[in-house]
C-alpha atoms as a PDB file:
ATOM      1  CA  UNK A   1     122.162-116.517 148.204  1.00  0.00           C
ATOM      2  CA  UNK A   2     119.491-118.636 149.839  1.00  0.00           C
ATOM      3  CA  UNK A   3     121.619-119.794 152.746  1.00  0.00           C
ATOM      4  CA  UNK A   4     122.663-116.210 153.413  1.00  0.00           C
ATOM      5  CA  UNK A   5     118.980-115.090 153.472  1.00  0.00           C
ATOM      6  CA  UNK A   6     118.011-117.848 155.854  1.00  0.00           C
ATOM      7  CA  UNK A   7     120.888-116.887 158.203  1.00  0.00           C
ATOM      8  CA  UNK A   8     119.481-113.459 158.378  1.00  0.00           C
ATOM      9  CA  UNK A   9     115.834-114.705 158.746  1.00  0.00           C
ATOM     10  CA  UNK A  10     117.031-116.906 161.699  1.00  0.00           C
ATOM     11  CA  UNK A  11     118.774-113.895 163.267  1.00  0.00           C
ATOM     12  CA  UNK A  12     115.595-111.961 163.229  1.00  0.00           C
ATOM     13  CA  UNK A  13     113.370-114.746 164.382  1.00  0.00           C
ATOM     14  CA  UNK A  14     115.670-115.567 167.318  1.00  0.00           C
ATOM     15  CA  UNK A  15     115.389-111.990 168.430  1.00  0.00           C
ATOM     16  CA  UNK A  16     119.201-111.395 168.198  1.00  0.00           C
ATOM     17  CA  UNK A  17     118.451-108.185 166.387  1.00  0.00           C
ATOM     18  CA  UNK A  18     115.535-106.376 165.165  1.00  0.00           C
ATOM     19  CA  UNK A  19     114.149-107.141 161.646  1.00  0.00           C
ATOM     20  CA  UNK A  20     115.088-103.643 160.561  1.00  0.00           C
ATOM     21  CA  UNK A  21     118.618-104.270 161.672  1.00  0.00           C
ATOM     22  CA  UNK A  22     118.784-107.646 159.882  1.00  0.00           C
ATOM     23  CA  UNK A  23     117.604-105.900 156.639  1.00  0.00           C
ATOM     24  CA  UNK A  24     120.354-103.201 157.037  1.00  0.00           C
ATOM     25  CA  UNK A  25     122.933-105.914 157.566  1.00  0.00           C
ATOM     26  CA  UNK A  26     121.737-107.943 154.659  1.00  0.00           C
ATOM     27  CA  UNK A  27     121.847-104.771 152.324  1.00  0.00           C
ATOM     28  CA  UNK A  28     125.220-103.688 153.630  1.00  0.00           C
ATOM     29  CA  UNK A  29     126.702-107.169 153.122  1.00  0.00           C
ATOM     30  CA  UNK A  30     125.521-107.351 149.597  1.00  0.00           C
ATOM     31  CA  UNK A  31     126.791-103.862 148.912  1.00  0.00           C
ATOM     32  CA  UNK A  32     130.409-104.490 149.984  1.00  0.00           C
ATOM     33  CA  UNK A  33     130.749-108.378 149.843  1.00  0.00           C
ATOM     34  CA  UNK A  34     134.419-109.307 150.255  1.00  0.00           C
ATOM     35  CA  UNK A  35     135.427-110.697 146.856  1.00  0.00           C
ATOM     36  CA  UNK A  36     137.516-113.428 148.653  1.00  0.00           C
ATOM     37  CA  UNK A  37     134.904-114.680 150.956  1.00  0.00           C
ATOM     38  CA  UNK A  38     131.756-116.769 150.027  1.00  0.00           C
ATOM     39  CA  UNK A  39     128.511-115.224 151.009  1.00  0.00           C
ATOM     40  CA  UNK A  40     127.998-118.253 153.247  1.00  0.00           C
ATOM     41  CA  UNK A  41     131.266-117.591 155.055  1.00  0.00           C
ATOM     42  CA  UNK A  42     130.471-113.900 155.298  1.00  0.00           C
ATOM     43  CA  UNK A  43     127.050-114.654 156.844  1.00  0.00           C
ATOM     44  CA  UNK A  44     128.738-116.611 159.518  1.00  0.00           C
ATOM     45  CA  UNK A  45     131.051-113.667 160.268  1.00  0.00           C
ATOM     46  CA  UNK A  46     128.014-111.293 160.099  1.00  0.00           C
ATOM     47  CA  UNK A  47     126.000-113.403 162.503  1.00  0.00           C
ATOM     48  CA  UNK A  48     128.909-113.317 164.923  1.00  0.00           C
ATOM     49  CA  UNK A  49     128.932-109.525 164.544  1.00  0.00           C
ATOM     50  CA  UNK A  50     125.071-109.443 165.083  1.00  0.00           C
ATOM     51  CA  UNK A  51     125.574-111.332 168.242  1.00  0.00           C
ATOM     52  CA  UNK A  52     128.155-108.823 169.364  1.00  0.00           C
ATOM     53  CA  UNK A  53     125.809-105.935 168.669  1.00  0.00           C
ATOM     54  CA  UNK A  54     123.058-107.688 170.514  1.00  0.00           C
ATOM     55  CA  UNK A  55     125.349-107.765 173.555  1.00  0.00           C
ATOM     56  CA  UNK A  56     125.549-111.481 173.753  1.00  0.00           C
ATOM     57  CA  UNK A  57     128.364-112.864 175.935  1.00  0.00           C
ATOM     58  CA  UNK A  58     131.991-112.981 175.039  1.00  0.00           C
ATOM     59  CA  UNK A  59     131.724-116.272 173.232  1.00  0.00           C
ATOM     60  CA  UNK A  60     131.612-113.948 170.318  1.00  0.00           C
ATOM     61  CA  UNK A  61     135.293-113.310 170.271  1.00  0.00           C
ATOM     62  CA  UNK A  62     136.368-116.944 170.188  1.00  0.00           C
ATOM     63  CA  UNK A  63     133.465-117.815 167.597  1.00  0.00           C
ATOM     64  CA  UNK A  64     134.735-115.047 165.306  1.00  0.00           C
ATOM     65  CA  UNK A  65     138.447-116.044 165.637  1.00  0.00           C
ATOM     66  CA  UNK A  66     137.664-119.662 165.041  1.00  0.00           C
ATOM     67  CA  UNK A  67     135.884-118.682 161.923  1.00  0.00           C
ATOM     68  CA  UNK A  68     138.538-116.370 160.682  1.00  0.00           C
ATOM     69  CA  UNK A  69     141.159-119.061 161.232  1.00  0.00           C
ATOM     70  CA  UNK A  70     139.095-121.545 159.279  1.00  0.00           C
ATOM     71  CA  UNK A  71     138.995-119.043 156.387  1.00  0.00           C
ATOM     72  CA  UNK A  72     142.825-118.736 156.675  1.00  0.00           C
ATOM     73  CA  UNK A  73     143.192-122.544 156.661  1.00  0.00           C
ATOM     74  CA  UNK A  74     141.093-122.762 153.441  1.00  0.00           C
ATOM     75  CA  UNK A  75     143.081-120.062 151.773  1.00  0.00           C
ATOM     76  CA  UNK A  76     140.144-117.726 151.509  1.00  0.00           C
ATOM     77  CA  UNK A  77     141.862-115.063 153.761  1.00  0.00           C
ATOM     78  CA  UNK A  78     145.535-114.271 154.157  1.00  0.00           C
ATOM     79  CA  UNK A  79     146.665-114.186 157.862  1.00  0.00           C
ATOM     80  CA  UNK A  80     147.026-110.472 157.388  1.00  0.00           C
ATOM     81  CA  UNK A  81     143.511-110.084 156.263  1.00  0.00           C
ATOM     82  CA  UNK A  82     142.184-112.214 159.193  1.00  0.00           C
ATOM     83  CA  UNK A  83     144.170-110.091 161.665  1.00  0.00           C
ATOM     84  CA  UNK A  84     142.950-106.764 160.265  1.00  0.00           C
ATOM     85  CA  UNK A  85     139.354-107.930 160.326  1.00  0.00           C
ATOM     86  CA  UNK A  86     139.523-109.438 163.750  1.00  0.00           C
ATOM     87  CA  UNK A  87     141.462-106.485 164.979  1.00  0.00           C
ATOM     88  CA  UNK A  88     139.052-103.886 163.504  1.00  0.00           C
ATOM     89  CA  UNK A  89     136.040-105.629 165.078  1.00  0.00           C
ATOM     90  CA  UNK A  90     137.809-105.932 168.401  1.00  0.00           C
ATOM     91  CA  UNK A  91     138.701-102.214 168.279  1.00  0.00           C
ATOM     92  CA  UNK A  92     135.120-101.267 167.332  1.00  0.00           C
ATOM     93  CA  UNK A  93     134.061-102.876 170.509  1.00  0.00           C
ATOM     94  CA  UNK A  94     136.261-100.539 172.388  1.00  0.00           C
ATOM     95  CA  UNK A  95     135.601 -97.355 170.299  1.00  0.00           C
ATOM     96  CA  UNK A  96     131.945 -97.564 169.736  1.00  0.00           C
ATOM     97  CA  UNK A  97     131.489 -93.917 170.521  1.00  0.00           C
ATOM     98  CA  UNK A  98     134.341 -92.845 168.242  1.00  0.00           C
ATOM     99  CA  UNK A  99     133.967 -91.668 164.561  1.00  0.00           C
ATOM    100  CA  UNK A 100     134.788 -93.453 161.335  1.00  0.00           C
ATOM    101  CA  UNK A 101     137.807 -91.091 161.179  1.00  0.00           C
ATOM    102  CA  UNK A 102     139.271 -92.654 164.310  1.00  0.00           C
ATOM    103  CA  UNK A 103     138.847 -96.183 162.867  1.00  0.00           C
ATOM    104  CA  UNK A 104     140.173 -95.036 159.516  1.00  0.00           C
ATOM    105  CA  UNK A 105     143.448 -93.918 161.355  1.00  0.00           C
ATOM    106  CA  UNK A 106     143.784 -97.136 163.147  1.00  0.00           C
ATOM    107  CA  UNK A 107     143.440 -99.061 159.800  1.00  0.00           C
ATOM    108  CA  UNK A 108     145.738 -96.676 157.882  1.00  0.00           C
ATOM    109  CA  UNK A 109     148.224 -97.230 160.631  1.00  0.00           C
ATOM    110  CA  UNK A 110     148.176-100.953 159.783  1.00  0.00           C
ATOM    111  CA  UNK A 111     149.313-100.124 156.277  1.00  0.00           C
ATOM    112  CA  UNK A 112     146.315-101.647 154.477  1.00  0.00           C
ATOM    113  CA  UNK A 113     145.267-101.033 150.918  1.00  0.00           C
ATOM    114  CA  UNK A 114     142.587 -98.385 150.213  1.00  0.00           C
ATOM    115  CA  UNK A 115     140.121-101.158 149.303  1.00  0.00           C
ATOM    116  CA  UNK A 116     140.539-102.928 152.487  1.00  0.00           C
ATOM    117  CA  UNK A 117     140.103 -99.622 154.406  1.00  0.00           C
ATOM    118  CA  UNK A 118     136.782 -99.063 152.559  1.00  0.00           C
ATOM    119  CA  UNK A 119     135.672-102.619 153.392  1.00  0.00           C
ATOM    120  CA  UNK A 120     136.508-102.209 157.086  1.00  0.00           C
ATOM    121  CA  UNK A 121     134.952 -98.796 157.165  1.00  0.00           C
ATOM    122  CA  UNK A 122     131.739-100.416 155.699  1.00  0.00           C
ATOM    123  CA  UNK A 123     131.794-102.914 158.500  1.00  0.00           C
ATOM    124  CA  UNK A 124     132.020 -99.982 160.911  1.00  0.00           C
ATOM    125  CA  UNK A 125     128.972 -98.329 159.275  1.00  0.00           C
ATOM    126  CA  UNK A 126     127.053-101.661 159.409  1.00  0.00           C
ATOM    127  CA  UNK A 127     127.842-102.371 163.044  1.00  0.00           C
ATOM    128  CA  UNK A 128     126.876 -98.686 163.987  1.00  0.00           C
ATOM    129  CA  UNK A 129     123.598 -99.198 162.092  1.00  0.00           C
ATOM    130  CA  UNK A 130     122.925-102.512 163.999  1.00  0.00           C
ATOM    131  CA  UNK A 131     123.817-100.862 167.226  1.00  0.00           C
ATOM    132  CA  UNK A 132     121.068 -98.202 166.863  1.00  0.00           C
ATOM    133  CA  UNK A 133     118.764-101.235 167.142  1.00  0.00           C
ATOM    134  CA  UNK A 134     115.562 -99.036 166.518  1.00  0.00           C
ATOM    135  CA  UNK A 135     112.917-101.590 168.059  1.00  0.00           C
ATOM    136  CA  UNK A 136     110.751 -98.989 169.681  1.00  0.00           C
ATOM    137  CA  UNK A 137     111.032 -96.402 166.974  1.00  0.00           C
ATOM    138  CA  UNK A 138     110.622 -98.921 164.065  1.00  0.00           C
ATOM    139  CA  UNK A 139     106.909 -98.159 164.141  1.00  0.00           C
ATOM    140  CA  UNK A 140     107.701 -94.820 162.375  1.00  0.00           C
ATOM    141  CA  UNK A 141     106.415 -94.600 158.855  1.00  0.00           C
ATOM    142  CA  UNK A 142     108.932 -94.572 156.063  1.00  0.00           C
END
C-alpha cells in the first residue's frame, strides 16, 4: 500500500506524468491488480509504463523486460504471462491510435484466458488514459 503510493507520488513530483494521470494510474491499478503480482512489483511495472507514456527514451523496454524476467525467476509470473504482458505493451506502442478491439484480437490470437484478456485491456485503457496527459486542461472544474 504505502510503497505503491510513494511510487506514484514520486512519479508526479518528478514530472514524469501529470498528477491527474498518476491518480488515474493508481485507481486503475487498484481496480484490476494482478492477483499474482505484489502491488510493489506492479508499481515498478506501472512506473515503467508511465515513463513510456511520458515519451522517455527506449531504456523503458529493457527496464520492463528486466522486471518481467525477475518476476518469472521469483515464480510470480509464468513465462507465458511475462511474454503476453511484454508483448501487449510493445504492441500498444505501435498501435496507440488503434482501438481496444484491435488489441483484443491480438490477445485472443495468443490464446489467452478471458481474465487475462480483461487484464491486458485494462492496461490498454490505463495507458490511453495516461497518454491523454491533460496538463493544460486539468484546470477545468470537475
